[in-house]
Amino acid sequence: MRSYDLSPLFRSTVGFDRLSRLLENAMTGDEAAASYPPYNIEKTGDDAYRITMAVAGFGPEDLEITAQQNSLVVTGKAKKEQETGQFLYRGIAGRAFERRFQLADFIKVGNANLLNGLLHIDLVREVPETMKPRTIQIGTSGAAKPALTQQAA
């Protein structure tokens, strides 16, 4: 059995994608469902990110955002439209969706805003003080304590 080095896959991640999501997306063949609604992930600061989703036709009452431990789920419920005319072409998708994002450790969901058909979700990485690297001071005063020695009787 061959083993594959998957480390190149992780070089360009920004804290959202994990190996399980990459494999899950590779195994599913439904490309249309995987691309709706379109979204962007951008880095807005050293420890800040933003997900922007194009959710034209959805209002705040139609969207639900759920944050769990390492997961963010955005769900849109489609409205029942009243047919007022005959469509010759229908290109604006108004179907229900569920988009899942895997979050890296210590990523917290901030606020969410809906503006001009774009849903903006702000994320921030908050590493606890106990997990941050710390510098240990090296002392120079006094001699090092010798190891315990046996006393001559």
Protein backbone atom coordinates (compact mmCIF):
# COMPACT_ATOMS: atom_id res chain seq x y z
CA MET A 1 0.00 0.00 0.00
CA ARG A 2 1.30 3.41 -0.93
CA SER A 3 1.25 6.31 1.47
CA TYR A 4 0.68 9.80 0.15
CA ASP A 5 2.12 13.01 1.51
CA LEU A 6 -0.83 15.37 1.89
CA SER A 7 1.14 18.26 3.40
CA PRO A 8 0.99 20.36 0.19
CA LEU A 9 -2.78 20.49 0.62
CA PHE A 10 -2.41 22.32 3.93
CA ARG A 11 0.07 25.01 2.79
CA SER A 12 -2.54 27.43 1.52
CA THR A 13 -5.35 26.91 4.02
CA VAL A 14 -6.53 29.76 6.21
CA GLY A 15 -7.93 27.75 9.08
CA PHE A 16 -11.15 26.55 7.49
CA ASP A 17 -10.46 23.47 5.42
CA ARG A 18 -9.48 20.15 6.92
CA LEU A 19 -8.58 16.87 5.36
CA SER A 20 -12.02 15.39 6.03
CA ARG A 21 -13.72 18.21 4.11
CA LEU A 22 -11.34 17.86 1.18
CA LEU A 23 -11.97 14.15 1.00
CA GLU A 24 -15.73 14.57 1.43
CA ASN A 25 -15.90 17.08 -1.41
CA ALA A 26 -13.76 14.85 -3.61
CA MET A 27 -16.07 11.89 -3.00
CA THR A 28 -19.31 13.72 -3.75
CA GLY A 29 -20.13 14.14 -7.40
CA ASP A 30 -22.79 16.84 -7.03
CA GLU A 31 -20.86 19.89 -8.21
CA ALA A 32 -23.94 22.13 -8.51
CA ALA A 33 -24.91 21.68 -4.86
CA ALA A 34 -21.33 22.19 -3.76
CA SER A 35 -21.11 25.55 -5.53
CA TYR A 36 -24.36 27.13 -4.30
CA PRO A 37 -24.39 29.70 -2.90
CA PRO A 38 -21.06 31.12 -4.02
CA TYR A 39 -18.80 32.44 -1.28
CA ASN A 40 -15.45 34.10 -0.61
CA ILE A 41 -13.09 33.61 2.31
CA GLU A 42 -10.75 36.49 2.98
CA LYS A 43 -8.14 37.29 5.58
CA THR A 44 -8.87 40.74 7.00
CA GLY A 45 -6.14 40.87 9.64
CA ASP A 46 -3.50 38.79 11.39
CA ASP A 47 -6.12 36.80 13.28
CA ALA A 48 -9.30 37.89 11.50
CA TYR A 49 -11.20 36.34 8.60
CA ARG A 50 -14.45 37.02 6.75
CA ILE A 51 -16.76 34.72 4.86
CA THR A 52 -18.92 36.48 2.30
CA MET A 53 -21.81 34.57 0.74
CA ALA A 54 -23.99 35.70 -2.17
CA VAL A 55 -27.54 35.12 -0.91
CA ALA A 56 -29.61 37.28 -3.26
CA GLY A 57 -33.32 36.95 -2.60
CA PHE A 58 -32.89 35.84 1.03
CA GLY A 59 -33.73 38.11 3.95
CA PRO A 60 -32.46 37.88 7.52
CA GLU A 61 -35.56 35.87 8.47
CA ASP A 62 -34.71 33.26 5.79
CA LEU A 63 -31.13 32.67 6.97
CA GLU A 64 -29.83 30.80 10.00
CA ILE A 65 -26.22 30.68 11.19
CA THR A 66 -25.19 27.99 13.67
CA ALA A 67 -21.73 27.83 15.23
CA GLN A 68 -20.59 24.71 17.03
CA GLN A 69 -17.18 23.62 18.26
CA ASN A 70 -15.25 23.46 14.97
CA SER A 71 -18.12 23.92 12.57
CA LEU A 72 -20.12 26.76 11.06
CA VAL A 73 -23.40 25.99 9.29
CA VAL A 74 -25.26 28.56 7.20
CA THR A 75 -28.77 27.52 6.18
CA GLY A 76 -31.15 29.32 3.84
CA LYS A 77 -34.82 28.47 3.64
CA ALA A 78 -36.46 29.23 0.31
CA LYS A 79 -39.56 31.40 0.23
CA LYS A 80 -42.63 30.25 -1.61
CA GLU A 81 -42.95 32.66 -4.48
CA GLN A 82 -46.19 33.62 -6.06
CA GLU A 83 -46.08 33.07 -9.79
CA THR A 84 -47.03 36.46 -11.23
CA GLY A 85 -45.92 35.85 -14.80
CA GLN A 86 -44.42 33.37 -17.17
CA PHE A 87 -40.64 33.11 -16.96
CA LEU A 88 -38.74 32.82 -20.22
CA TYR A 89 -35.50 32.25 -18.33
CA ARG A 90 -34.97 31.75 -14.63
CA GLY A 91 -31.34 32.28 -13.67
CA ILE A 92 -31.66 33.58 -10.12
CA ALA A 93 -31.52 30.60 -7.82
CA GLY A 94 -33.82 30.86 -4.84
CA ARG A 95 -33.55 27.31 -3.61
CA ALA A 96 -32.86 26.24 -0.07
CA PHE A 97 -29.25 25.54 0.86
CA GLU A 98 -26.99 24.42 3.66
CA ARG A 99 -23.31 25.37 3.56
CA ARG A 100 -20.89 23.90 6.10
CA PHE A 101 -17.49 25.29 7.00
CA GLN A 102 -14.93 23.46 9.11
CA LEU A 103 -13.23 25.90 11.46
CA ALA A 104 -9.73 25.56 12.82
CA ASP A 105 -9.09 25.43 16.54
CA PHE A 106 -9.70 28.68 18.42
CA ILE A 107 -11.70 30.29 15.57
CA LYS A 108 -14.67 32.17 17.01
CA VAL A 109 -17.62 33.49 15.02
CA GLY A 110 -18.03 37.22 15.51
CA ASN A 111 -20.95 39.04 13.95
CA ALA A 112 -22.94 38.58 10.76
CA ASN A 113 -24.38 41.28 8.49
CA LEU A 114 -26.63 41.08 5.43
CA LEU A 115 -26.04 43.95 3.02
CA ASN A 116 -27.04 44.21 -0.66
CA GLY A 117 -27.59 40.45 -1.01
CA LEU A 118 -24.23 39.57 0.57
CA LEU A 119 -24.00 37.83 3.93
CA HIS A 120 -20.78 38.78 5.74
CA ILE A 121 -19.67 36.57 8.65
CA ASP A 122 -16.67 37.79 10.63
CA LEU A 123 -14.37 35.27 12.31
CA VAL A 124 -11.50 35.81 14.71
CA ARG A 125 -8.78 33.49 16.01
CA GLU A 126 -8.60 33.78 19.81
CA VAL A 127 -5.77 31.65 21.17
CA PRO A 128 -5.96 31.28 24.97
CA GLU A 129 -3.03 32.69 26.92
CA THR A 130 -2.11 29.22 28.16
CA MET A 131 -1.69 28.02 24.57
CA LYS A 132 0.46 30.94 23.37
CA PRO A 133 4.22 30.46 23.29
CA ARG A 134 6.06 32.03 26.18
CA THR A 135 9.69 32.91 26.68
CA ILE A 136 11.55 31.36 29.60
CA GLN A 137 14.14 33.62 31.17
CA ILE A 138 17.58 32.10 31.69
CA GLY A 139 19.12 33.02 35.01
CA THR A 140 22.87 33.76 35.40
CA SER A 141 23.16 34.43 39.11
CA GLY A 142 24.69 31.75 41.35
CA ALA A 143 26.09 28.41 40.48
CA ALA A 144 24.00 25.53 39.36
CA LYS A 145 22.96 23.21 42.16
CA PRO A 146 24.99 20.01 42.05
CA ALA A 147 23.27 16.68 41.96
CA LEU A 148 22.76 14.89 45.26
CA THR A 149 25.93 13.23 46.45
CA GLN A 150 26.43 10.53 49.01
CA GLN A 151 27.99 11.66 52.23
CA ALA A 152 31.03 9.80 53.49
CA ALA A 153 30.42 8.22 56.83
